[in-house]
Amino acid sequence: MTLPSAPKPPVDPSIIRNAPIGPDLNQDDKVDVLEQAYTEIGYLADELAQTRAELESLQERRTVEQVRARMIEPYANKVFRFVAIYCLAVGGFLIADGIGGGFDLPESTMGIISGSTAVAVIGLIGMVISGLFGGKHQ
């Protein structure tokens, strides 16, 4: 069962041509609306400029910190490995000398290895680390 179709209304293109584009405002209202729009646009433009400047600043800072971290990492790892190996070697000498068994270093040599060399290595590490991580220079 089909319903009878209603006749289509006639299409008049003049209706579309004569349609209003915006609200019908008098001249004073148009000036107020334009002033308010320009004020808002100016405010938003200022906010956009400030936000872009802040974003660029944060991106530059992050980039500098990332580059610095990437530059520091291999040297920091090498310094750590050197200190660890040095400590293990000195500890091995001390244990081997203490146990005996054919390994006997003079006491002055053990003093040099465990004392003055340790001070020099610690000083070297301090200089390297302060140079890498931006320690205070006096």
N, C-alpha and C. Protein backbone atom coordinates (compact mmCIF):
# COMPACT_ATOMS: atom_id res chain seq x y z
N MET A 1 0.82 -1.15 0.00
CA MET A 1 0.00 0.00 0.00
C MET A 1 0.89 1.24 0.00
N THR A 2 0.74 2.05 -0.99
CA THR A 2 1.52 3.26 -1.14
C THR A 2 0.63 4.48 -0.96
N LEU A 3 1.21 5.46 -0.36
CA LEU A 3 0.49 6.71 -0.15
C LEU A 3 0.59 7.57 -1.40
N PRO A 4 -0.44 8.33 -1.65
CA PRO A 4 -0.34 9.21 -2.81
C PRO A 4 0.68 10.31 -2.54
N SER A 5 1.50 10.63 -3.49
CA SER A 5 2.53 11.64 -3.32
C SER A 5 1.93 13.03 -3.43
N ALA A 6 2.43 13.90 -2.55
CA ALA A 6 1.95 15.28 -2.55
C ALA A 6 2.67 16.04 -3.65
N PRO A 7 2.05 17.04 -4.21
CA PRO A 7 2.75 17.80 -5.24
C PRO A 7 3.90 18.59 -4.64
N LYS A 8 5.00 18.69 -5.35
CA LYS A 8 6.20 19.39 -4.88
C LYS A 8 5.96 20.89 -5.00
N PRO A 9 6.47 21.66 -3.96
CA PRO A 9 6.29 23.11 -4.05
C PRO A 9 7.19 23.66 -5.15
N PRO A 10 6.79 24.76 -5.74
CA PRO A 10 7.62 25.31 -6.81
C PRO A 10 8.93 25.89 -6.25
N VAL A 11 10.01 25.75 -6.98
CA VAL A 11 11.32 26.25 -6.57
C VAL A 11 11.47 27.66 -7.11
N ASP A 12 11.71 28.59 -6.17
CA ASP A 12 11.86 30.00 -6.57
C ASP A 12 13.28 30.44 -6.21
N PRO A 13 14.21 30.58 -7.15
CA PRO A 13 15.59 30.96 -6.85
C PRO A 13 15.72 32.36 -6.27
N SER A 14 14.76 33.20 -6.42
CA SER A 14 14.85 34.55 -5.86
C SER A 14 14.83 34.53 -4.34
N ILE A 15 14.26 33.52 -3.76
CA ILE A 15 14.24 33.40 -2.29
C ILE A 15 15.68 33.26 -1.78
N ILE A 16 16.47 32.47 -2.44
CA ILE A 16 17.85 32.25 -2.01
C ILE A 16 18.68 33.51 -2.23
N ARG A 17 18.48 34.18 -3.36
CA ARG A 17 19.25 35.40 -3.64
C ARG A 17 18.91 36.52 -2.66
N ASN A 18 17.71 36.56 -2.20
CA ASN A 18 17.28 37.64 -1.31
C ASN A 18 17.41 37.28 0.17
N ALA A 19 17.92 36.11 0.49
CA ALA A 19 18.05 35.70 1.89
C ALA A 19 19.11 36.55 2.58
N PRO A 20 18.89 36.95 3.83
CA PRO A 20 19.89 37.76 4.55
C PRO A 20 21.13 36.93 4.87
N ILE A 21 22.28 37.57 4.82
CA ILE A 21 23.55 36.90 5.09
C ILE A 21 23.84 36.88 6.58
N GLY A 22 23.51 37.90 7.28
CA GLY A 22 23.76 37.99 8.71
C GLY A 22 22.57 38.64 9.39
N PRO A 23 22.73 38.87 10.68
CA PRO A 23 21.61 39.52 11.39
C PRO A 23 21.41 40.94 10.88
N ASP A 24 20.19 41.37 10.92
CA ASP A 24 19.86 42.71 10.46
C ASP A 24 20.15 43.69 11.58
N LEU A 25 21.28 44.40 11.48
CA LEU A 25 21.71 45.33 12.52
C LEU A 25 21.72 46.74 11.95
N ASN A 26 21.46 47.69 12.84
CA ASN A 26 21.61 49.07 12.40
C ASN A 26 23.09 49.45 12.47
N GLN A 27 23.46 50.61 12.01
CA GLN A 27 24.87 51.02 11.88
C GLN A 27 25.58 51.03 13.23
N ASP A 28 24.95 51.52 14.30
CA ASP A 28 25.58 51.56 15.62
C ASP A 28 25.85 50.16 16.15
N ASP A 29 24.91 49.26 15.94
CA ASP A 29 25.10 47.89 16.40
C ASP A 29 26.25 47.22 15.63
N LYS A 30 26.35 47.52 14.32
CA LYS A 30 27.43 46.94 13.52
C LYS A 30 28.78 47.41 14.03
N VAL A 31 28.90 48.68 14.38
CA VAL A 31 30.16 49.22 14.89
C VAL A 31 30.53 48.56 16.20
N ASP A 32 29.55 48.38 17.11
CA ASP A 32 29.81 47.74 18.39
C ASP A 32 30.25 46.29 18.22
N VAL A 33 29.58 45.58 17.33
CA VAL A 33 29.94 44.18 17.09
C VAL A 33 31.35 44.08 16.50
N LEU A 34 31.67 44.97 15.55
CA LEU A 34 33.01 44.95 14.95
C LEU A 34 34.08 45.31 15.97
N GLU A 35 33.83 46.31 16.82
CA GLU A 35 34.81 46.68 17.84
C GLU A 35 35.04 45.53 18.80
N GLN A 36 33.97 44.87 19.21
CA GLN A 36 34.10 43.73 20.12
C GLN A 36 34.88 42.59 19.43
N ALA A 37 34.58 42.34 18.16
CA ALA A 37 35.27 41.28 17.44
C ALA A 37 36.75 41.60 17.30
N TYR A 38 37.09 42.87 16.96
CA TYR A 38 38.50 43.24 16.83
C TYR A 38 39.22 43.16 18.17
N THR A 39 38.54 43.53 19.23
CA THR A 39 39.13 43.44 20.56
C THR A 39 39.44 41.98 20.91
N GLU A 40 38.48 41.11 20.64
CA GLU A 40 38.69 39.68 20.91
C GLU A 40 39.82 39.12 20.05
N ILE A 41 39.87 39.50 18.78
CA ILE A 41 40.92 39.02 17.89
C ILE A 41 42.29 39.50 18.37
N GLY A 42 42.37 40.76 18.79
CA GLY A 42 43.64 41.28 19.32
C GLY A 42 44.08 40.55 20.57
N TYR A 43 43.14 40.28 21.48
CA TYR A 43 43.44 39.56 22.71
C TYR A 43 43.93 38.15 22.38
N LEU A 44 43.23 37.47 21.48
CA LEU A 44 43.63 36.11 21.11
C LEU A 44 44.98 36.10 20.40
N ALA A 45 45.26 37.11 19.59
CA ALA A 45 46.56 37.18 18.91
C ALA A 45 47.69 37.35 19.93
N ASP A 46 47.47 38.19 20.96
CA ASP A 46 48.47 38.36 22.01
C ASP A 46 48.70 37.06 22.76
N GLU A 47 47.61 36.38 23.10
CA GLU A 47 47.72 35.10 23.81
C GLU A 47 48.48 34.08 22.96
N LEU A 48 48.19 34.06 21.66
CA LEU A 48 48.87 33.12 20.77
C LEU A 48 50.36 33.42 20.70
N ALA A 49 50.72 34.68 20.62
CA ALA A 49 52.14 35.05 20.56
C ALA A 49 52.87 34.66 21.84
N GLN A 50 52.24 34.90 22.98
CA GLN A 50 52.86 34.54 24.26
C GLN A 50 53.01 33.03 24.37
N THR A 51 51.99 32.30 23.97
CA THR A 51 52.05 30.84 24.06
C THR A 51 53.12 30.28 23.13
N ARG A 52 53.23 30.83 21.92
CA ARG A 52 54.26 30.36 21.00
C ARG A 52 55.66 30.65 21.54
N ALA A 53 55.85 31.83 22.12
CA ALA A 53 57.16 32.16 22.69
C ALA A 53 57.51 31.22 23.83
N GLU A 54 56.54 30.93 24.67
CA GLU A 54 56.78 30.02 25.79
C GLU A 54 57.08 28.62 25.29
N LEU A 55 56.36 28.17 24.27
CA LEU A 55 56.60 26.84 23.71
C LEU A 55 58.00 26.75 23.10
N GLU A 56 58.42 27.77 22.36
CA GLU A 56 59.76 27.77 21.78
C GLU A 56 60.83 27.74 22.86
N SER A 57 60.60 28.49 23.93
CA SER A 57 61.55 28.52 25.03
C SER A 57 61.67 27.14 25.67
N LEU A 58 60.54 26.49 25.90
CA LEU A 58 60.57 25.15 26.50
C LEU A 58 61.22 24.14 25.57
N GLN A 59 60.95 24.24 24.27
CA GLN A 59 61.56 23.30 23.33
C GLN A 59 63.07 23.50 23.25
N GLU A 60 63.54 24.75 23.28
CA GLU A 60 64.97 25.00 23.24
C GLU A 60 65.63 24.48 24.50
N ARG A 61 65.01 24.74 25.66
CA ARG A 61 65.59 24.28 26.91
C ARG A 61 65.65 22.77 26.94
N ARG A 62 64.57 22.12 26.50
CA ARG A 62 64.55 20.67 26.51
C ARG A 62 65.60 20.13 25.55
N THR A 63 65.77 20.76 24.44
CA THR A 63 66.75 20.30 23.47
C THR A 63 68.17 20.43 24.03
N VAL A 64 68.48 21.55 24.68
CA VAL A 64 69.80 21.74 25.27
C VAL A 64 70.04 20.70 26.36
N GLU A 65 69.04 20.46 27.18
CA GLU A 65 69.20 19.46 28.25
C GLU A 65 69.35 18.06 27.68
N GLN A 66 68.62 17.75 26.61
CA GLN A 66 68.75 16.43 26.00
C GLN A 66 70.13 16.25 25.37
N VAL A 67 70.61 17.26 24.69
CA VAL A 67 71.93 17.16 24.06
C VAL A 67 73.00 17.02 25.13
N ARG A 68 72.89 17.80 26.19
CA ARG A 68 73.87 17.72 27.27
C ARG A 68 73.85 16.34 27.92
N ALA A 69 72.66 15.80 28.15
CA ALA A 69 72.56 14.46 28.75
C ALA A 69 73.17 13.40 27.84
N ARG A 70 72.91 13.52 26.53
CA ARG A 70 73.51 12.56 25.60
C ARG A 70 75.02 12.68 25.54
N MET A 71 75.53 13.91 25.68
CA MET A 71 76.98 14.10 25.66
C MET A 71 77.64 13.58 26.95
N ILE A 72 76.96 13.74 28.06
CA ILE A 72 77.52 13.36 29.36
C ILE A 72 77.50 11.85 29.55
N GLU A 73 76.48 11.19 29.06
CA GLU A 73 76.27 9.77 29.38
C GLU A 73 77.48 8.88 29.09
N PRO A 74 78.09 8.92 27.91
CA PRO A 74 79.21 8.01 27.68
C PRO A 74 80.41 8.30 28.59
N TYR A 75 80.66 9.57 28.88
CA TYR A 75 81.79 9.91 29.76
C TYR A 75 81.50 9.49 31.19
N ALA A 76 80.28 9.68 31.63
CA ALA A 76 79.92 9.28 32.99
C ALA A 76 80.05 7.76 33.14
N ASN A 77 79.64 7.02 32.12
CA ASN A 77 79.78 5.56 32.17
C ASN A 77 81.25 5.15 32.20
N LYS A 78 82.09 5.84 31.41
CA LYS A 78 83.52 5.51 31.40
C LYS A 78 84.17 5.83 32.74
N VAL A 79 83.80 6.95 33.35
CA VAL A 79 84.35 7.31 34.66
C VAL A 79 83.94 6.27 35.69
N PHE A 80 82.67 5.86 35.65
CA PHE A 80 82.20 4.85 36.60
C PHE A 80 82.95 3.54 36.42
N ARG A 81 83.12 3.10 35.17
CA ARG A 81 83.85 1.84 34.93
C ARG A 81 85.29 1.93 35.41
N PHE A 82 85.94 3.07 35.16
CA PHE A 82 87.31 3.25 35.60
C PHE A 82 87.41 3.15 37.12
N VAL A 83 86.54 3.83 37.81
CA VAL A 83 86.56 3.80 39.28
C VAL A 83 86.28 2.39 39.79
N ALA A 84 85.32 1.72 39.20
CA ALA A 84 84.99 0.36 39.64
C ALA A 84 86.18 -0.58 39.42
N ILE A 85 86.81 -0.50 38.24
CA ILE A 85 87.95 -1.37 37.95
C ILE A 85 89.12 -1.03 38.86
N TYR A 86 89.36 0.26 39.10
CA TYR A 86 90.44 0.67 39.98
C TYR A 86 90.22 0.13 41.40
N CYS A 87 89.00 0.27 41.89
CA CYS A 87 88.71 -0.23 43.24
C CYS A 87 88.86 -1.74 43.32
N LEU A 88 88.41 -2.46 42.29
CA LEU A 88 88.57 -3.91 42.29
C LEU A 88 90.05 -4.30 42.24
N ALA A 89 90.84 -3.59 41.44
CA ALA A 89 92.27 -3.91 41.34
C ALA A 89 92.97 -3.66 42.67
N VAL A 90 92.72 -2.52 43.29
CA VAL A 90 93.36 -2.21 44.59
C VAL A 90 92.89 -3.20 45.65
N GLY A 91 91.60 -3.53 45.62
CA GLY A 91 91.10 -4.54 46.57
C GLY A 91 91.74 -5.89 46.35
N GLY A 92 91.93 -6.25 45.06
CA GLY A 92 92.59 -7.52 44.75
C GLY A 92 94.03 -7.54 45.24
N PHE A 93 94.75 -6.41 45.05
CA PHE A 93 96.12 -6.32 45.55
C PHE A 93 96.15 -6.46 47.07
N LEU A 94 95.24 -5.78 47.74
CA LEU A 94 95.22 -5.84 49.21
C LEU A 94 94.92 -7.25 49.70
N ILE A 95 93.96 -7.90 49.09
CA ILE A 95 93.60 -9.26 49.51
C ILE A 95 94.74 -10.23 49.21
N ALA A 96 95.32 -10.11 47.99
CA ALA A 96 96.42 -11.00 47.62
C ALA A 96 97.62 -10.79 48.54
N ASP A 97 97.91 -9.55 48.90
CA ASP A 97 99.03 -9.28 49.80
C ASP A 97 98.72 -9.78 51.21
N GLY A 98 97.47 -9.67 51.62
CA GLY A 98 97.11 -10.12 52.96
C GLY A 98 97.13 -11.63 53.09
N ILE A 99 96.71 -12.32 52.05
CA ILE A 99 96.69 -13.79 52.10
C ILE A 99 98.10 -14.34 52.01
N GLY A 100 98.91 -13.69 51.22
CA GLY A 100 100.29 -14.18 51.04
C GLY A 100 100.33 -15.12 49.85
N GLY A 101 100.87 -16.30 50.06
CA GLY A 101 100.91 -17.31 49.00
C GLY A 101 101.79 -16.93 47.83
N GLY A 102 102.91 -16.32 48.06
CA GLY A 102 103.84 -15.99 46.99
C GLY A 102 103.65 -14.57 46.45
N PHE A 103 102.60 -13.88 46.83
CA PHE A 103 102.39 -12.50 46.40
C PHE A 103 102.66 -11.61 47.58
N ASP A 104 103.80 -10.94 47.54
CA ASP A 104 104.18 -10.10 48.67
C ASP A 104 104.75 -8.80 48.13
N LEU A 105 103.98 -7.74 48.28
CA LEU A 105 104.45 -6.42 47.87
C LEU A 105 105.03 -5.71 49.08
N PRO A 106 106.03 -4.88 48.87
CA PRO A 106 106.56 -4.11 50.00
C PRO A 106 105.48 -3.18 50.56
N GLU A 107 105.62 -2.88 51.82
CA GLU A 107 104.63 -2.06 52.50
C GLU A 107 104.53 -0.66 51.88
N SER A 108 105.66 -0.14 51.44
CA SER A 108 105.63 1.20 50.83
C SER A 108 104.84 1.16 49.51
N THR A 109 104.96 0.09 48.75
CA THR A 109 104.21 -0.03 47.49
C THR A 109 102.72 -0.11 47.77
N MET A 110 102.35 -0.88 48.77
CA MET A 110 100.93 -0.99 49.14
C MET A 110 100.40 0.37 49.63
N GLY A 111 101.24 1.10 50.34
CA GLY A 111 100.82 2.44 50.79
C GLY A 111 100.60 3.38 49.62
N ILE A 112 101.49 3.29 48.64
CA ILE A 112 101.35 4.14 47.45
C ILE A 112 100.09 3.75 46.67
N ILE A 113 99.89 2.45 46.47
CA ILE A 113 98.72 2.00 45.71
C ILE A 113 97.43 2.40 46.41
N SER A 114 97.33 2.12 47.67
CA SER A 114 96.06 2.37 48.36
C SER A 114 95.91 3.78 48.87
N GLY A 115 96.96 4.53 48.98
CA GLY A 115 96.88 5.87 49.54
C GLY A 115 96.98 6.98 48.53
N SER A 116 98.20 7.24 48.10
CA SER A 116 98.41 8.42 47.25
C SER A 116 97.77 8.25 45.87
N THR A 117 97.78 7.05 45.32
CA THR A 117 97.13 6.84 44.03
C THR A 117 95.63 7.01 44.16
N ALA A 118 95.07 6.54 45.27
CA ALA A 118 93.63 6.69 45.48
C ALA A 118 93.25 8.17 45.56
N VAL A 119 94.08 8.97 46.22
CA VAL A 119 93.80 10.40 46.31
C VAL A 119 93.87 11.04 44.93
N ALA A 120 94.85 10.65 44.13
CA ALA A 120 94.97 11.20 42.78
C ALA A 120 93.77 10.80 41.92
N VAL A 121 93.33 9.56 42.02
CA VAL A 121 92.19 9.09 41.24
C VAL A 121 90.92 9.80 41.69
N ILE A 122 90.75 9.96 42.98
CA ILE A 122 89.56 10.66 43.48
C ILE A 122 89.58 12.12 43.02
N GLY A 123 90.74 12.76 43.04
CA GLY A 123 90.84 14.13 42.54
C GLY A 123 90.53 14.21 41.06
N LEU A 124 91.06 13.26 40.29
CA LEU A 124 90.78 13.22 38.85
C LEU A 124 89.30 13.04 38.60
N ILE A 125 88.68 12.14 39.32
CA ILE A 125 87.25 11.91 39.17
C ILE A 125 86.47 13.17 39.53
N GLY A 126 86.89 13.84 40.58
CA GLY A 126 86.22 15.09 40.97
C GLY A 126 86.30 16.14 39.88
N MET A 127 87.48 16.28 39.26
CA MET A 127 87.63 17.26 38.18
C MET A 127 86.79 16.89 36.97
N VAL A 128 86.78 15.60 36.61
CA VAL A 128 86.02 15.16 35.44
C VAL A 128 84.53 15.35 35.67
N ILE A 129 84.07 14.96 36.83
CA ILE A 129 82.64 15.06 37.12
C ILE A 129 82.20 16.51 37.22
N SER A 130 83.00 17.36 37.85
CA SER A 130 82.62 18.76 37.93
C SER A 130 82.64 19.41 36.55
N GLY A 131 83.54 18.96 35.68
CA GLY A 131 83.55 19.48 34.31
C GLY A 131 82.37 19.00 33.50
N LEU A 132 81.98 17.75 33.70
CA LEU A 132 80.85 17.20 32.97
C LEU A 132 79.52 17.75 33.43
N PHE A 133 79.35 17.83 34.74
CA PHE A 133 78.06 18.20 35.28
C PHE A 133 77.97 19.66 35.69
N GLY A 134 78.94 20.46 35.32
CA GLY A 134 78.88 21.90 35.58
C GLY A 134 79.04 22.27 37.02
N GLY A 135 80.01 21.70 37.69
CA GLY A 135 80.27 22.05 39.07
C GLY A 135 80.81 23.47 39.20
N LYS A 136 80.76 24.03 40.40
CA LYS A 136 81.23 25.39 40.60
C LYS A 136 82.75 25.45 40.51
N HIS A 137 83.24 26.44 39.77
CA HIS A 137 84.69 26.65 39.67
C HIS A 137 85.04 27.85 40.53
N GLN A 138 86.05 27.68 41.39
CA GLN A 138 86.43 28.76 42.28
C GLN A 138 87.73 29.39 41.83
